[in-house]
């Protein structure tokens, strides 16, 4: 970035730990202005530096309009690996406006010796087989996915959410705990033992913040039904996909 040149306006589609890290790093650099878009699903999101936009864009056309009206120079998709819809919208917005799109995505967790993983392709498939692995399940797939586990008469669920739900969950037998990561393996092990959990259902989100439950399951010998990541809804070249905020920032600074 040339000294004294115009600011480059960066739109981060955020909501992850990495997106907040990137926003902090960009905000400290001269020559950039960052706007982070949050989905608005949590009542009290962690603070993010720079400009913040909360709530959806109103579909693909809304995102395209925002990119044009705000004179965005780069779109960075740093959403959750399972947030398929917004990632698809980002691709369309980039192609429609000609604004470059890059993806910040943490790698999935690798299987370690001692892991008892049953890999499935969807939350619906996880719900179909959950009763084959236990009766007391730690369910950590997000509030929007819980309907798949409705009418499970033989199962009891420990559900962790960021916020206390405003309405009863669509589950027959359950208890809610709230919390925001990072969660340590020791704390997760204590939680599992306290509630006599005998299995876990999770998404392979990657990163350190929620890995504690995977490490705790391994230590306790518990099975984990792990939902594979969806096939990315975009065909970005490898050079436009970054595993860390540092890598994405280095790319920005080269531009």
C-alpha atoms as a PDB file:
ATOM      1  CA  UNK A   1       0.000   0.000   0.000  1.00  0.00           C
ATOM      2  CA  UNK A   2       1.529   3.256  -1.081  1.00  0.00           C
ATOM      3  CA  UNK A   3       1.969   5.866   1.645  1.00  0.00           C
ATOM      4  CA  UNK A   4      -0.796   8.441   1.442  1.00  0.00           C
ATOM      5  CA  UNK A   5      -2.814   6.456  -1.122  1.00  0.00           C
ATOM      6  CA  UNK A   6      -6.569   5.924  -0.884  1.00  0.00           C
ATOM      7  CA  UNK A   7      -7.848   3.551   1.776  1.00  0.00           C
ATOM      8  CA  UNK A   8      -8.719   0.054   0.626  1.00  0.00           C
ATOM      9  CA  UNK A   9     -12.141  -0.876   1.939  1.00  0.00           C
ATOM     10  CA  UNK A  10     -12.306  -4.459   3.199  1.00  0.00           C
ATOM     11  CA  UNK A  11     -15.565  -6.301   3.884  1.00  0.00           C
ATOM     12  CA  UNK A  12     -15.133  -9.253   6.234  1.00  0.00           C
ATOM     13  CA  UNK A  13     -18.013 -11.707   6.367  1.00  0.00           C
ATOM     14  CA  UNK A  14     -17.341 -12.696   9.949  1.00  0.00           C
ATOM     15  CA  UNK A  15     -18.584 -14.398  13.075  1.00  0.00           C
ATOM     16  CA  UNK A  16     -15.518 -16.579  13.721  1.00  0.00           C
ATOM     17  CA  UNK A  17     -12.493 -16.180  15.979  1.00  0.00           C
ATOM     18  CA  UNK A  18     -10.306 -15.818  12.912  1.00  0.00           C
ATOM     19  CA  UNK A  19     -12.463 -13.063  11.421  1.00  0.00           C
ATOM     20  CA  UNK A  20     -12.112 -11.013  14.604  1.00  0.00           C
ATOM     21  CA  UNK A  21      -8.345 -11.589  14.630  1.00  0.00           C
ATOM     22  CA  UNK A  22      -8.124 -10.408  11.040  1.00  0.00           C
ATOM     23  CA  UNK A  23     -10.246  -7.323  11.719  1.00  0.00           C
ATOM     24  CA  UNK A  24      -7.951  -6.371  14.614  1.00  0.00           C
ATOM     25  CA  UNK A  25      -4.863  -6.800  12.453  1.00  0.00           C
ATOM     26  CA  UNK A  26      -6.276  -4.795   9.543  1.00  0.00           C
ATOM     27  CA  UNK A  27      -7.501  -2.021  11.837  1.00  0.00           C
ATOM     28  CA  UNK A  28      -3.929  -1.502  13.090  1.00  0.00           C
ATOM     29  CA  UNK A  29      -2.607  -0.990   9.527  1.00  0.00           C
ATOM     30  CA  UNK A  30      -2.676   2.332   7.764  1.00  0.00           C
ATOM     31  CA  UNK A  31      -4.338   2.449   4.387  1.00  0.00           C
ATOM     32  CA  UNK A  32      -7.203   0.064   5.190  1.00  0.00           C
ATOM     33  CA  UNK A  33     -10.767   0.464   6.382  1.00  0.00           C
ATOM     34  CA  UNK A  34     -12.466  -2.703   7.592  1.00  0.00           C
ATOM     35  CA  UNK A  35     -16.180  -3.465   7.915  1.00  0.00           C
ATOM     36  CA  UNK A  36     -17.180  -6.751   9.550  1.00  0.00           C
ATOM     37  CA  UNK A  37     -20.593  -8.227   8.834  1.00  0.00           C
ATOM     38  CA  UNK A  38     -22.112 -10.392  11.579  1.00  0.00           C
ATOM     39  CA  UNK A  39     -25.149 -12.595  11.131  1.00  0.00           C
ATOM     40  CA  UNK A  40     -26.760 -11.225  14.295  1.00  0.00           C
ATOM     41  CA  UNK A  41     -27.676 -14.631  15.723  1.00  0.00           C
ATOM     42  CA  UNK A  42     -26.113 -14.004  19.143  1.00  0.00           C
ATOM     43  CA  UNK A  43     -27.537 -11.375  21.477  1.00  0.00           C
ATOM     44  CA  UNK A  44     -24.186 -10.142  22.774  1.00  0.00           C
ATOM     45  CA  UNK A  45     -21.454 -10.805  20.203  1.00  0.00           C
ATOM     46  CA  UNK A  46     -17.819 -10.308  21.127  1.00  0.00           C
ATOM     47  CA  UNK A  47     -16.586  -6.804  20.217  1.00  0.00           C
ATOM     48  CA  UNK A  48     -14.951  -6.397  16.813  1.00  0.00           C
ATOM     49  CA  UNK A  49     -12.762  -3.420  15.836  1.00  0.00           C
ATOM     50  CA  UNK A  50     -13.602  -1.223  12.878  1.00  0.00           C
ATOM     51  CA  UNK A  51     -17.014  -0.893  11.345  1.00  0.00           C
ATOM     52  CA  UNK A  52     -19.601  -3.549  12.192  1.00  0.00           C
ATOM     53  CA  UNK A  53     -22.776  -4.447  10.343  1.00  0.00           C
ATOM     54  CA  UNK A  54     -25.170  -6.837  12.111  1.00  0.00           C
ATOM     55  CA  UNK A  55     -27.901  -8.833  10.412  1.00  0.00           C
ATOM     56  CA  UNK A  56     -28.307 -10.284   6.959  1.00  0.00           C
ATOM     57  CA  UNK A  57     -28.011  -8.404   3.692  1.00  0.00           C
ATOM     58  CA  UNK A  58     -31.415  -9.444   2.412  1.00  0.00           C
ATOM     59  CA  UNK A  59     -30.111 -12.102   0.058  1.00  0.00           C
ATOM     60  CA  UNK A  60     -27.644 -12.014  -2.794  1.00  0.00           C
ATOM     61  CA  UNK A  61     -28.948  -8.764  -4.265  1.00  0.00           C
ATOM     62  CA  UNK A  62     -28.606  -7.056  -0.900  1.00  0.00           C
ATOM     63  CA  UNK A  63     -24.988  -8.117  -0.592  1.00  0.00           C
ATOM     64  CA  UNK A  64     -24.237  -6.958  -4.146  1.00  0.00           C
ATOM     65  CA  UNK A  65     -25.843  -3.613  -3.433  1.00  0.00           C
ATOM     66  CA  UNK A  66     -23.865  -3.206  -0.195  1.00  0.00           C
ATOM     67  CA  UNK A  67     -20.555  -3.973  -1.926  1.00  0.00           C
ATOM     68  CA  UNK A  68     -21.274  -1.388  -4.605  1.00  0.00           C
ATOM     69  CA  UNK A  69     -22.653   1.345  -2.362  1.00  0.00           C
ATOM     70  CA  UNK A  70     -19.848   0.996   0.181  1.00  0.00           C
ATOM     71  CA  UNK A  71     -17.176   0.895  -2.561  1.00  0.00           C
ATOM     72  CA  UNK A  72     -15.727  -2.351  -1.192  1.00  0.00           C
ATOM     73  CA  UNK A  73     -12.328  -3.255  -2.650  1.00  0.00           C
ATOM     74  CA  UNK A  74     -11.961  -6.793  -1.257  1.00  0.00           C
ATOM     75  CA  UNK A  75     -14.440  -9.319   0.182  1.00  0.00           C
ATOM     76  CA  UNK A  76     -13.057 -11.757   2.744  1.00  0.00           C
ATOM     77  CA  UNK A  77     -15.309 -14.702   3.525  1.00  0.00           C
ATOM     78  CA  UNK A  78     -14.295 -15.625   7.078  1.00  0.00           C
ATOM     79  CA  UNK A  79     -17.579 -17.266   8.051  1.00  0.00           C
ATOM     80  CA  UNK A  80     -17.981 -20.636   9.742  1.00  0.00           C
ATOM     81  CA  UNK A  81     -17.002 -23.619   7.547  1.00  0.00           C
ATOM     82  CA  UNK A  82     -20.644 -24.784   7.615  1.00  0.00           C
ATOM     83  CA  UNK A  83     -22.194 -21.392   6.714  1.00  0.00           C
ATOM     84  CA  UNK A  84     -22.893 -22.486   3.156  1.00  0.00           C
ATOM     85  CA  UNK A  85     -25.475 -19.889   2.145  1.00  0.00           C
ATOM     86  CA  UNK A  86     -23.451 -16.747   2.829  1.00  0.00           C
ATOM     87  CA  UNK A  87     -20.412 -18.322   1.145  1.00  0.00           C
ATOM     88  CA  UNK A  88     -22.470 -18.945  -1.995  1.00  0.00           C
ATOM     89  CA  UNK A  89     -23.734 -15.376  -1.863  1.00  0.00           C
ATOM     90  CA  UNK A  90     -20.174 -14.065  -1.550  1.00  0.00           C
ATOM     91  CA  UNK A  91     -19.151 -15.876  -4.725  1.00  0.00           C
ATOM     92  CA  UNK A  92     -22.071 -14.420  -6.675  1.00  0.00           C
ATOM     93  CA  UNK A  93     -21.439 -10.932  -5.296  1.00  0.00           C
ATOM     94  CA  UNK A  94     -17.772 -11.109  -6.258  1.00  0.00           C
ATOM     95  CA  UNK A  95     -18.572 -12.227  -9.802  1.00  0.00           C
ATOM     96  CA  UNK A  96     -21.314  -9.627 -10.203  1.00  0.00           C
ATOM     97  CA  UNK A  97     -19.244  -6.675  -8.978  1.00  0.00           C
ATOM     98  CA  UNK A  98     -15.741  -7.716 -10.021  1.00  0.00           C
ATOM     99  CA  UNK A  99     -14.550  -7.261  -6.422  1.00  0.00           C
ATOM    100  CA  UNK A 100     -11.909  -9.867  -5.452  1.00  0.00           C
ATOM    101  CA  UNK A 101     -13.017 -12.575  -3.026  1.00  0.00           C
ATOM    102  CA  UNK A 102     -10.759 -14.559  -0.720  1.00  0.00           C
ATOM    103  CA  UNK A 103     -11.627 -17.180   1.862  1.00  0.00           C
ATOM    104  CA  UNK A 104     -10.237 -17.454   5.400  1.00  0.00           C
ATOM    105  CA  UNK A 105     -10.929 -20.981   6.610  1.00  0.00           C
ATOM    106  CA  UNK A 106      -9.255 -22.857   9.426  1.00  0.00           C
ATOM    107  CA  UNK A 107      -8.272 -26.448   8.600  1.00  0.00           C
ATOM    108  CA  UNK A 108     -10.472 -29.286   9.907  1.00  0.00           C
ATOM    109  CA  UNK A 109      -9.372 -31.300  12.916  1.00  0.00           C
ATOM    110  CA  UNK A 110      -7.241 -34.314  11.988  1.00  0.00           C
ATOM    111  CA  UNK A 111      -8.015 -37.679  13.515  1.00  0.00           C
ATOM    112  CA  UNK A 112      -5.646 -38.554  16.374  1.00  0.00           C
ATOM    113  CA  UNK A 113      -4.777 -41.978  17.815  1.00  0.00           C
ATOM    114  CA  UNK A 114      -7.521 -42.900  20.261  1.00  0.00           C
ATOM    115  CA  UNK A 115     -10.277 -40.897  18.541  1.00  0.00           C
ATOM    116  CA  UNK A 116     -13.487 -42.911  18.117  1.00  0.00           C
ATOM    117  CA  UNK A 117     -15.048 -41.010  15.241  1.00  0.00           C
ATOM    118  CA  UNK A 118     -18.076 -41.973  13.195  1.00  0.00           C
ATOM    119  CA  UNK A 119     -18.018 -39.688  10.158  1.00  0.00           C
ATOM    120  CA  UNK A 120     -21.309 -38.628   8.579  1.00  0.00           C
ATOM    121  CA  UNK A 121     -22.159 -36.246   5.744  1.00  0.00           C
ATOM    122  CA  UNK A 122     -24.916 -34.225   7.402  1.00  0.00           C
ATOM    123  CA  UNK A 123     -26.614 -33.371  10.676  1.00  0.00           C
ATOM    124  CA  UNK A 124     -29.674 -35.297   9.442  1.00  0.00           C
ATOM    125  CA  UNK A 125     -27.528 -38.401   9.044  1.00  0.00           C
ATOM    126  CA  UNK A 126     -26.074 -37.851  12.523  1.00  0.00           C
ATOM    127  CA  UNK A 127     -29.588 -37.731  13.966  1.00  0.00           C
ATOM    128  CA  UNK A 128     -30.485 -40.935  12.147  1.00  0.00           C
ATOM    129  CA  UNK A 129     -27.678 -42.921  13.798  1.00  0.00           C
ATOM    130  CA  UNK A 130     -27.261 -41.131  17.143  1.00  0.00           C
ATOM    131  CA  UNK A 131     -29.095 -43.800  19.160  1.00  0.00           C
ATOM    132  CA  UNK A 132     -26.625 -46.424  17.914  1.00  0.00           C
ATOM    133  CA  UNK A 133     -23.813 -44.816  19.903  1.00  0.00           C
ATOM    134  CA  UNK A 134     -25.290 -43.947  23.296  1.00  0.00           C
ATOM    135  CA  UNK A 135     -28.171 -42.512  25.278  1.00  0.00           C
ATOM    136  CA  UNK A 136     -26.761 -39.295  26.781  1.00  0.00           C
ATOM    137  CA  UNK A 137     -25.446 -37.046  24.026  1.00  0.00           C
ATOM    138  CA  UNK A 138     -23.494 -33.799  24.129  1.00  0.00           C
ATOM    139  CA  UNK A 139     -25.038 -32.038  21.129  1.00  0.00           C
ATOM    140  CA  UNK A 140     -22.980 -29.152  19.729  1.00  0.00           C
ATOM    141  CA  UNK A 141     -24.262 -28.502  16.213  1.00  0.00           C
ATOM    142  CA  UNK A 142     -25.856 -25.073  16.729  1.00  0.00           C
ATOM    143  CA  UNK A 143     -29.401 -24.001  17.452  1.00  0.00           C
ATOM    144  CA  UNK A 144     -30.522 -24.019  13.822  1.00  0.00           C
ATOM    145  CA  UNK A 145     -29.753 -27.744  13.446  1.00  0.00           C
ATOM    146  CA  UNK A 146     -31.596 -29.080  16.499  1.00  0.00           C
ATOM    147  CA  UNK A 147     -34.843 -29.866  14.694  1.00  0.00           C
ATOM    148  CA  UNK A 148     -33.171 -32.913  13.136  1.00  0.00           C
ATOM    149  CA  UNK A 149     -33.031 -34.496  16.615  1.00  0.00           C
ATOM    150  CA  UNK A 150     -36.707 -33.951  17.487  1.00  0.00           C
ATOM    151  CA  UNK A 151     -38.812 -36.917  18.607  1.00  0.00           C
ATOM    152  CA  UNK A 152     -35.791 -38.904  19.861  1.00  0.00           C
ATOM    153  CA  UNK A 153     -37.555 -40.722  22.705  1.00  0.00           C
ATOM    154  CA  UNK A 154     -34.552 -42.833  23.691  1.00  0.00           C
ATOM    155  CA  UNK A 155     -32.050 -39.945  23.836  1.00  0.00           C
ATOM    156  CA  UNK A 156     -31.186 -37.266  26.382  1.00  0.00           C
ATOM    157  CA  UNK A 157     -29.264 -34.261  25.060  1.00  0.00           C
ATOM    158  CA  UNK A 158     -26.901 -31.802  26.700  1.00  0.00           C
ATOM    159  CA  UNK A 159     -27.097 -28.804  24.362  1.00  0.00           C
ATOM    160  CA  UNK A 160     -24.549 -26.004  24.452  1.00  0.00           C
ATOM    161  CA  UNK A 161     -25.579 -22.645  23.002  1.00  0.00           C
ATOM    162  CA  UNK A 162     -24.059 -19.177  23.115  1.00  0.00           C
ATOM    163  CA  UNK A 163     -27.314 -17.655  24.416  1.00  0.00           C
ATOM    164  CA  UNK A 164     -30.082 -19.076  26.558  1.00  0.00           C
ATOM    165  CA  UNK A 165     -32.919 -19.905  24.121  1.00  0.00           C
ATOM    166  CA  UNK A 166     -36.016 -17.730  24.259  1.00  0.00           C
ATOM    167  CA  UNK A 167     -38.291 -20.719  23.572  1.00  0.00           C
ATOM    168  CA  UNK A 168     -38.200 -24.446  24.386  1.00  0.00           C
ATOM    169  CA  UNK A 169     -35.983 -26.484  22.102  1.00  0.00           C
ATOM    170  CA  UNK A 170     -37.533 -29.026  19.692  1.00  0.00           C
ATOM    171  CA  UNK A 171     -36.183 -31.931  21.775  1.00  0.00           C
ATOM    172  CA  UNK A 172     -37.988 -34.304  24.121  1.00  0.00           C
ATOM    173  CA  UNK A 173     -35.330 -34.710  26.816  1.00  0.00           C
ATOM    174  CA  UNK A 174     -32.571 -32.160  27.205  1.00  0.00           C
ATOM    175  CA  UNK A 175     -30.668 -29.647  29.289  1.00  0.00           C
ATOM    176  CA  UNK A 176     -29.106 -26.413  28.021  1.00  0.00           C
ATOM    177  CA  UNK A 177     -25.725 -25.032  29.029  1.00  0.00           C
ATOM    178  CA  UNK A 178     -24.483 -21.719  27.677  1.00  0.00           C
ATOM    179  CA  UNK A 179     -20.959 -20.611  26.990  1.00  0.00           C
ATOM    180  CA  UNK A 180     -18.585 -19.048  24.510  1.00  0.00           C
ATOM    181  CA  UNK A 181     -15.241 -20.667  23.701  1.00  0.00           C
ATOM    182  CA  UNK A 182     -12.437 -21.305  24.067  1.00  0.00           C
ATOM    183  CA  UNK A 183     -13.195 -24.402  26.142  1.00  0.00           C
ATOM    184  CA  UNK A 184     -10.286 -26.304  27.660  1.00  0.00           C
ATOM    185  CA  UNK A 185     -10.058 -30.107  27.459  1.00  0.00           C
ATOM    186  CA  UNK A 186     -10.080 -30.324  31.262  1.00  0.00           C
ATOM    187  CA  UNK A 187     -13.238 -28.235  31.600  1.00  0.00           C
ATOM    188  CA  UNK A 188     -14.922 -30.232  28.831  1.00  0.00           C
ATOM    189  CA  UNK A 189     -13.999 -33.516  30.498  1.00  0.00           C
ATOM    190  CA  UNK A 190     -15.537 -32.298  33.780  1.00  0.00           C
ATOM    191  CA  UNK A 191     -18.694 -31.212  31.946  1.00  0.00           C
ATOM    192  CA  UNK A 192     -19.062 -34.585  30.234  1.00  0.00           C
ATOM    193  CA  UNK A 193     -18.529 -36.493  33.473  1.00  0.00           C
ATOM    194  CA  UNK A 194     -20.862 -34.237  35.473  1.00  0.00           C
ATOM    195  CA  UNK A 195     -23.737 -34.944  33.063  1.00  0.00           C
ATOM    196  CA  UNK A 196     -22.814 -38.602  32.496  1.00  0.00           C
ATOM    197  CA  UNK A 197     -22.483 -38.018  28.770  1.00  0.00           C
ATOM    198  CA  UNK A 198     -21.625 -41.160  26.804  1.00  0.00           C
ATOM    199  CA  UNK A 199     -21.269 -39.709  23.286  1.00  0.00           C
ATOM    200  CA  UNK A 200     -20.904 -36.463  21.322  1.00  0.00           C
ATOM    201  CA  UNK A 201     -22.346 -35.088  18.091  1.00  0.00           C
ATOM    202  CA  UNK A 202     -20.298 -32.259  16.579  1.00  0.00           C
ATOM    203  CA  UNK A 203     -19.249 -30.586  13.366  1.00  0.00           C
ATOM    204  CA  UNK A 204     -15.613 -30.641  12.296  1.00  0.00           C
ATOM    205  CA  UNK A 205     -15.267 -26.903  12.831  1.00  0.00           C
ATOM    206  CA  UNK A 206     -11.494 -26.876  13.234  1.00  0.00           C
ATOM    207  CA  UNK A 207      -9.558 -24.382  15.341  1.00  0.00           C
ATOM    208  CA  UNK A 208      -8.684 -24.339  19.024  1.00  0.00           C
ATOM    209  CA  UNK A 209     -11.763 -22.729  20.582  1.00  0.00           C
ATOM    210  CA  UNK A 210     -14.004 -25.821  20.531  1.00  0.00           C
ATOM    211  CA  UNK A 211     -11.431 -28.593  20.178  1.00  0.00           C
ATOM    212  CA  UNK A 212     -11.564 -29.246  23.929  1.00  0.00           C
ATOM    213  CA  UNK A 213     -14.586 -31.534  23.621  1.00  0.00           C
ATOM    214  CA  UNK A 214     -12.821 -33.655  21.005  1.00  0.00           C
ATOM    215  CA  UNK A 215      -9.751 -34.021  23.228  1.00  0.00           C
ATOM    216  CA  UNK A 216     -11.970 -34.781  26.233  1.00  0.00           C
ATOM    217  CA  UNK A 217     -13.889 -37.451  24.319  1.00  0.00           C
ATOM    218  CA  UNK A 218     -10.604 -39.075  23.324  1.00  0.00           C
ATOM    219  CA  UNK A 219      -9.390 -39.058  26.945  1.00  0.00           C
ATOM    220  CA  UNK A 220     -12.656 -40.609  28.166  1.00  0.00           C
ATOM    221  CA  UNK A 221     -12.947 -43.097  25.299  1.00  0.00           C
ATOM    222  CA  UNK A 222     -16.271 -41.663  24.113  1.00  0.00           C
ATOM    223  CA  UNK A 223     -17.539 -41.994  20.534  1.00  0.00           C
ATOM    224  CA  UNK A 224     -17.983 -38.826  18.477  1.00  0.00           C
ATOM    225  CA  UNK A 225     -20.373 -38.581  15.550  1.00  0.00           C
ATOM    226  CA  UNK A 226     -18.546 -35.990  13.478  1.00  0.00           C
ATOM    227  CA  UNK A 227     -20.270 -34.197  10.601  1.00  0.00           C
ATOM    228  CA  UNK A 228     -17.942 -33.766   7.637  1.00  0.00           C
ATOM    229  CA  UNK A 229     -17.559 -30.344   6.142  1.00  0.00           C
ATOM    230  CA  UNK A 230     -19.777 -29.565   3.164  1.00  0.00           C
ATOM    231  CA  UNK A 231     -18.228 -29.317  -0.265  1.00  0.00           C
ATOM    232  CA  UNK A 232     -17.262 -25.632  -0.601  1.00  0.00           C
ATOM    233  CA  UNK A 233     -19.907 -23.750  -2.595  1.00  0.00           C
ATOM    234  CA  UNK A 234     -17.231 -21.913  -4.531  1.00  0.00           C
ATOM    235  CA  UNK A 235     -14.357 -22.679  -6.849  1.00  0.00           C
ATOM    236  CA  UNK A 236     -11.753 -20.274  -5.540  1.00  0.00           C
ATOM    237  CA  UNK A 237      -8.179 -21.033  -6.545  1.00  0.00           C
ATOM    238  CA  UNK A 238      -5.888 -22.332  -3.810  1.00  0.00           C
ATOM    239  CA  UNK A 239      -4.055 -18.995  -3.845  1.00  0.00           C
ATOM    240  CA  UNK A 240      -7.242 -17.276  -2.610  1.00  0.00           C
ATOM    241  CA  UNK A 241      -7.856 -19.551   0.396  1.00  0.00           C
ATOM    242  CA  UNK A 242      -5.977 -18.893   3.626  1.00  0.00           C
ATOM    243  CA  UNK A 243      -5.741 -20.954   6.808  1.00  0.00           C
ATOM    244  CA  UNK A 244      -4.782 -18.113   9.171  1.00  0.00           C
ATOM    245  CA  UNK A 245      -5.511 -14.446   9.658  1.00  0.00           C
ATOM    246  CA  UNK A 246      -1.778 -13.763   9.286  1.00  0.00           C
ATOM    247  CA  UNK A 247      -1.737 -15.314   5.807  1.00  0.00           C
ATOM    248  CA  UNK A 248      -4.775 -13.319   4.706  1.00  0.00           C
ATOM    249  CA  UNK A 249      -3.258 -10.107   6.040  1.00  0.00           C
ATOM    250  CA  UNK A 250       0.005 -10.765   4.194  1.00  0.00           C
ATOM    251  CA  UNK A 251      -1.980 -11.183   0.958  1.00  0.00           C
ATOM    252  CA  UNK A 252      -3.779  -7.897   1.561  1.00  0.00           C
ATOM    253  CA  UNK A 253      -0.567  -6.038   2.216  1.00  0.00           C
ATOM    254  CA  UNK A 254       0.968  -7.324  -1.019  1.00  0.00           C
ATOM    255  CA  UNK A 255      -1.947  -5.845  -2.918  1.00  0.00           C
END
